[in-house]
Structure formats: structure tokens, C-alpha cells
């Protein structure tokens, strides 16, 4: 059975695009935004639970 896909070339292409995506500013902004979103949700949830208890 012959392979129709050259896996080594495919891996190299994916690595190139992955490193370009990781090094872009969009990804860094996306990570900062996601972490701030989770942090903000955690603070909101804690404050709402404190308000329920009192």
C-alpha cells in the first residue's frame, strides 16, 4: 500500500504555521484576554457568593 500523503512534509508545514501563530501578537492578546476573562469571572463569582451568604 502506498502512502498518498507525505507525512514529513505535512509535519513541517504544520510546525511552520504553528510557530508563526504562536509568535503573532494576536495569540498573545488572546491568551491575556482569556486569562483576564477567567480571573474576572472568578472574582464575580466570589463576590456573588459572599453577597448570598450575608
PDB file of N, CA and C in Angstrom:
ATOM      1  N   UNK A   1       0.851  -1.182   0.000  1.00  0.00           N
ATOM      2  CA  UNK A   1       0.000   0.000   0.000  1.00  0.00           C
ATOM      3  C   UNK A   1       0.889   1.234   0.000  1.00  0.00           C
ATOM      4  N   UNK A   2       0.584   2.127  -0.872  1.00  0.00           N
ATOM      5  CA  UNK A   2       1.365   3.355  -0.989  1.00  0.00           C
ATOM      6  C   UNK A   2       0.725   4.472  -0.167  1.00  0.00           C
ATOM      7  N   UNK A   3       1.582   5.292   0.432  1.00  0.00           N
ATOM      8  CA  UNK A   3       1.078   6.455   1.164  1.00  0.00           C
ATOM      9  C   UNK A   3       0.800   7.585   0.182  1.00  0.00           C
ATOM     10  N   UNK A   4      -0.381   8.144   0.249  1.00  0.00           N
ATOM     11  CA  UNK A   4      -0.722   9.257  -0.621  1.00  0.00           C
ATOM     12  C   UNK A   4      -0.308  10.593  -0.037  1.00  0.00           C
ATOM     13  N   UNK A   5      -0.035  10.609   1.268  1.00  0.00           N
ATOM     14  CA  UNK A   5       0.333  11.841   1.960  1.00  0.00           C
ATOM     15  C   UNK A   5       1.767  11.723   2.451  1.00  0.00           C
ATOM     16  N   UNK A   6       2.551  12.748   2.168  1.00  0.00           N
ATOM     17  CA  UNK A   6       3.921  12.803   2.678  1.00  0.00           C
ATOM     18  C   UNK A   6       3.865  13.414   4.087  1.00  0.00           C
ATOM     19  N   UNK A   7       3.924  12.547   5.086  1.00  0.00           N
ATOM     20  CA  UNK A   7       3.720  13.000   6.453  1.00  0.00           C
ATOM     21  C   UNK A   7       4.834  13.908   6.949  1.00  0.00           C
ATOM     22  N   UNK A   8       6.048  13.696   6.515  1.00  0.00           N
ATOM     23  CA  UNK A   8       7.140  14.567   6.971  1.00  0.00           C
ATOM     24  C   UNK A   8       6.952  15.992   6.461  1.00  0.00           C
ATOM     25  N   UNK A   9       6.535  16.135   5.213  1.00  0.00           N
ATOM     26  CA  UNK A   9       6.280  17.478   4.680  1.00  0.00           C
ATOM     27  C   UNK A   9       5.087  18.114   5.382  1.00  0.00           C
ATOM     28  N   UNK A  10       4.079  17.330   5.673  1.00  0.00           N
ATOM     29  CA  UNK A  10       2.904  17.844   6.370  1.00  0.00           C
ATOM     30  C   UNK A  10       3.257  18.328   7.767  1.00  0.00           C
ATOM     31  N   UNK A  11       4.089  17.573   8.469  1.00  0.00           N
ATOM     32  CA  UNK A  11       4.511  17.967   9.817  1.00  0.00           C
ATOM     33  C   UNK A  11       5.320  19.258   9.763  1.00  0.00           C
ATOM     34  N   UNK A  12       6.188  19.392   8.769  1.00  0.00           N
ATOM     35  CA  UNK A  12       6.985  20.619   8.647  1.00  0.00           C
ATOM     36  C   UNK A  12       6.104  21.831   8.376  1.00  0.00           C
ATOM     37  N   UNK A  13       5.109  21.681   7.537  1.00  0.00           N
ATOM     38  CA  UNK A  13       4.200  22.788   7.225  1.00  0.00           C
ATOM     39  C   UNK A  13       3.404  23.193   8.468  1.00  0.00           C
ATOM     40  N   UNK A  14       2.910  22.194   9.188  1.00  0.00           N
ATOM     41  CA  UNK A  14       2.135  22.480  10.399  1.00  0.00           C
ATOM     42  C   UNK A  14       3.009  23.162  11.442  1.00  0.00           C
ATOM     43  N   UNK A  15       4.253  22.731  11.600  1.00  0.00           N
ATOM     44  CA  UNK A  15       5.166  23.366  12.545  1.00  0.00           C
ATOM     45  C   UNK A  15       5.427  24.815  12.169  1.00  0.00           C
ATOM     46  N   UNK A  16       5.595  25.102  10.882  1.00  0.00           N
ATOM     47  CA  UNK A  16       5.822  26.478  10.442  1.00  0.00           C
ATOM     48  C   UNK A  16       4.628  27.368  10.778  1.00  0.00           C
ATOM     49  N   UNK A  17       3.425  26.914  10.446  1.00  0.00           N
ATOM     50  CA  UNK A  17       2.236  27.714  10.731  1.00  0.00           C
ATOM     51  C   UNK A  17       1.990  27.838  12.227  1.00  0.00           C
ATOM     52  N   UNK A  18       2.277  26.788  12.980  1.00  0.00           N
ATOM     53  CA  UNK A  18       2.062  26.829  14.421  1.00  0.00           C
ATOM     54  C   UNK A  18       3.002  27.824  15.083  1.00  0.00           C
ATOM     55  N   UNK A  19       4.270  27.814  14.682  1.00  0.00           N
ATOM     56  CA  UNK A  19       5.213  28.773  15.273  1.00  0.00           C
ATOM     57  C   UNK A  19       4.891  30.196  14.852  1.00  0.00           C
ATOM     58  N   UNK A  20       4.445  30.405  13.611  1.00  0.00           N
ATOM     59  CA  UNK A  20       4.046  31.745  13.194  1.00  0.00           C
ATOM     60  C   UNK A  20       2.830  32.213  13.987  1.00  0.00           C
ATOM     61  N   UNK A  21       1.888  31.322  14.248  1.00  0.00           N
ATOM     62  CA  UNK A  21       0.691  31.683  15.008  1.00  0.00           C
ATOM     63  C   UNK A  21       1.036  31.976  16.464  1.00  0.00           C
ATOM     64  N   UNK A  22       1.931  31.192  17.055  1.00  0.00           N
ATOM     65  CA  UNK A  22       2.326  31.406  18.446  1.00  0.00           C
ATOM     66  C   UNK A  22       3.083  32.725  18.599  1.00  0.00           C
ATOM     67  N   UNK A  23       3.902  33.064  17.643  1.00  0.00           N
ATOM     68  CA  UNK A  23       4.714  34.276  17.733  1.00  0.00           C
ATOM     69  C   UNK A  23       3.956  35.541  17.346  1.00  0.00           C
ATOM     70  N   UNK A  24       2.740  35.412  16.858  1.00  0.00           N
ATOM     71  CA  UNK A  24       1.988  36.598  16.462  1.00  0.00           C
ATOM     72  C   UNK A  24       1.423  37.301  17.689  1.00  0.00           C
ATOM     73  N   UNK A  25       1.157  38.576  17.536  1.00  0.00           N
ATOM     74  CA  UNK A  25       0.599  39.354  18.634  1.00  0.00           C
ATOM     75  C   UNK A  25      -0.823  38.957  18.958  1.00  0.00           C
ATOM     76  N   UNK A  26      -1.550  38.462  17.965  1.00  0.00           N
ATOM     77  CA  UNK A  26      -2.940  38.065  18.182  1.00  0.00           C
ATOM     78  C   UNK A  26      -3.038  36.970  19.234  1.00  0.00           C
ATOM     79  N   UNK A  27      -2.134  36.002  19.173  1.00  0.00           N
ATOM     80  CA  UNK A  27      -2.173  34.885  20.118  1.00  0.00           C
ATOM     81  C   UNK A  27      -1.874  35.353  21.531  1.00  0.00           C
ATOM     82  N   UNK A  28      -0.897  36.242  21.658  1.00  0.00           N
ATOM     83  CA  UNK A  28      -0.569  36.759  22.994  1.00  0.00           C
ATOM     84  C   UNK A  28      -1.746  37.546  23.560  1.00  0.00           C
ATOM     85  N   UNK A  29      -2.391  38.345  22.727  1.00  0.00           N
ATOM     86  CA  UNK A  29      -3.566  39.075  23.174  1.00  0.00           C
ATOM     87  C   UNK A  29      -4.720  38.153  23.520  1.00  0.00           C
ATOM     88  N   UNK A  30      -4.860  37.081  22.759  1.00  0.00           N
ATOM     89  CA  UNK A  30      -5.910  36.108  23.028  1.00  0.00           C
ATOM     90  C   UNK A  30      -5.683  35.425  24.374  1.00  0.00           C
ATOM     91  N   UNK A  31      -4.437  35.069  24.679  1.00  0.00           N
ATOM     92  CA  UNK A  31      -4.133  34.432  25.963  1.00  0.00           C
ATOM     93  C   UNK A  31      -4.354  35.393  27.129  1.00  0.00           C
ATOM     94  N   UNK A  32      -3.945  36.651  26.963  1.00  0.00           N
ATOM     95  CA  UNK A  32      -4.154  37.636  28.029  1.00  0.00           C
ATOM     96  C   UNK A  32      -5.646  37.875  28.239  1.00  0.00           C
ATOM     97  N   UNK A  33      -6.384  37.986  27.147  1.00  0.00           N
ATOM     98  CA  UNK A  33      -7.825  38.193  27.256  1.00  0.00           C
ATOM     99  C   UNK A  33      -8.530  37.027  27.914  1.00  0.00           C
ATOM    100  N   UNK A  34      -8.135  35.816  27.564  1.00  0.00           N
ATOM    101  CA  UNK A  34      -8.763  34.638  28.165  1.00  0.00           C
ATOM    102  C   UNK A  34      -8.449  34.540  29.652  1.00  0.00           C
ATOM    103  N   UNK A  35      -7.211  34.848  30.032  1.00  0.00           N
ATOM    104  CA  UNK A  35      -6.866  34.775  31.456  1.00  0.00           C
ATOM    105  C   UNK A  35      -7.580  35.865  32.241  1.00  0.00           C
ATOM    106  N   UNK A  36      -7.702  37.069  31.675  1.00  0.00           N
ATOM    107  CA  UNK A  36      -8.452  38.123  32.361  1.00  0.00           C
ATOM    108  C   UNK A  36      -9.930  37.786  32.455  1.00  0.00           C
ATOM    109  N   UNK A  37     -10.446  37.150  31.429  1.00  0.00           N
ATOM    110  CA  UNK A  37     -11.856  36.724  31.455  1.00  0.00           C
ATOM    111  C   UNK A  37     -12.088  35.721  32.583  1.00  0.00           C
ATOM    112  N   UNK A  38     -11.211  34.734  32.715  1.00  0.00           N
ATOM    113  CA  UNK A  38     -11.370  33.734  33.777  1.00  0.00           C
ATOM    114  C   UNK A  38     -11.174  34.352  35.150  1.00  0.00           C
ATOM    115  N   UNK A  39     -10.212  35.254  35.257  1.00  0.00           N
ATOM    116  CA  UNK A  39      -9.965  35.916  36.536  1.00  0.00           C
ATOM    117  C   UNK A  39     -11.164  36.777  36.924  1.00  0.00           C
ATOM    118  N   UNK A  40     -11.695  37.511  35.964  1.00  0.00           N
ATOM    119  CA  UNK A  40     -12.860  38.348  36.232  1.00  0.00           C
ATOM    120  C   UNK A  40     -14.078  37.522  36.612  1.00  0.00           C
ATOM    121  N   UNK A  41     -14.267  36.398  35.953  1.00  0.00           N
ATOM    122  CA  UNK A  41     -15.390  35.530  36.296  1.00  0.00           C
ATOM    123  C   UNK A  41     -15.226  34.977  37.701  1.00  0.00           C
ATOM    124  N   UNK A  42     -14.003  34.609  38.071  1.00  0.00           N
ATOM    125  CA  UNK A  42     -13.758  34.090  39.417  1.00  0.00           C
ATOM    126  C   UNK A  42     -14.042  35.127  40.482  1.00  0.00           C
ATOM    127  N   UNK A  43     -13.632  36.374  40.226  1.00  0.00           N
ATOM    128  CA  UNK A  43     -13.888  37.448  41.189  1.00  0.00           C
ATOM    129  C   UNK A  43     -15.385  37.723  41.280  1.00  0.00           C
ATOM    130  N   UNK A  44     -16.063  37.768  40.134  1.00  0.00           N
ATOM    131  CA  UNK A  44     -17.512  38.000  40.130  1.00  0.00           C
ATOM    132  C   UNK A  44     -18.242  36.890  40.886  1.00  0.00           C
ATOM    133  N   UNK A  45     -17.828  35.658  40.675  1.00  0.00           N
ATOM    134  CA  UNK A  45     -18.468  34.524  41.345  1.00  0.00           C
ATOM    135  C   UNK A  45     -18.237  34.588  42.853  1.00  0.00           C
ATOM    136  N   UNK A  46     -17.023  34.937  43.275  1.00  0.00           N
ATOM    137  CA  UNK A  46     -16.723  35.037  44.713  1.00  0.00           C
ATOM    138  C   UNK A  46     -17.543  36.141  45.358  1.00  0.00           C
ATOM    139  N   UNK A  47     -17.645  37.289  44.702  1.00  0.00           N
ATOM    140  CA  UNK A  47     -18.422  38.399  45.267  1.00  0.00           C
ATOM    141  C   UNK A  47     -19.895  38.025  45.330  1.00  0.00           C
ATOM    142  N   UNK A  48     -20.408  37.364  44.316  1.00  0.00           N
ATOM    143  CA  UNK A  48     -21.824  36.999  44.355  1.00  0.00           C
ATOM    144  C   UNK A  48     -22.089  35.959  45.445  1.00  0.00           C
ATOM    145  N   UNK A  49     -21.152  35.047  45.686  1.00  0.00           N
ATOM    146  CA  UNK A  49     -21.349  34.079  46.772  1.00  0.00           C
ATOM    147  C   UNK A  49     -21.274  34.747  48.132  1.00  0.00           C
ATOM    148  N   UNK A  50     -20.408  35.743  48.269  1.00  0.00           N
ATOM    149  CA  UNK A  50     -20.335  36.476  49.538  1.00  0.00           C
ATOM    150  C   UNK A  50     -21.646  37.212  49.773  1.00  0.00           C
ATOM    151  N   UNK A  51     -22.206  37.802  48.722  1.00  0.00           N
ATOM    152  CA  UNK A  51     -23.469  38.535  48.872  1.00  0.00           C
ATOM    153  C   UNK A  51     -24.625  37.603  49.214  1.00  0.00           C
ATOM    154  N   UNK A  52     -24.591  36.386  48.747  1.00  0.00           N
ATOM    155  CA  UNK A  52     -25.651  35.423  49.070  1.00  0.00           C
ATOM    156  C   UNK A  52     -25.579  35.035  50.546  1.00  0.00           C
ATOM    157  N   UNK A  53     -24.370  34.883  51.080  1.00  0.00           N
ATOM    158  CA  UNK A  53     -24.218  34.453  52.470  1.00  0.00           C
ATOM    159  C   UNK A  53     -24.643  35.521  53.463  1.00  0.00           C
ATOM    160  N   UNK A  54     -24.535  36.794  53.094  1.00  0.00           N
ATOM    161  CA  UNK A  54     -24.864  37.864  54.051  1.00  0.00           C
ATOM    162  C   UNK A  54     -26.254  38.341  53.879  1.00  0.00           C
TER     163      UNK A  54
END
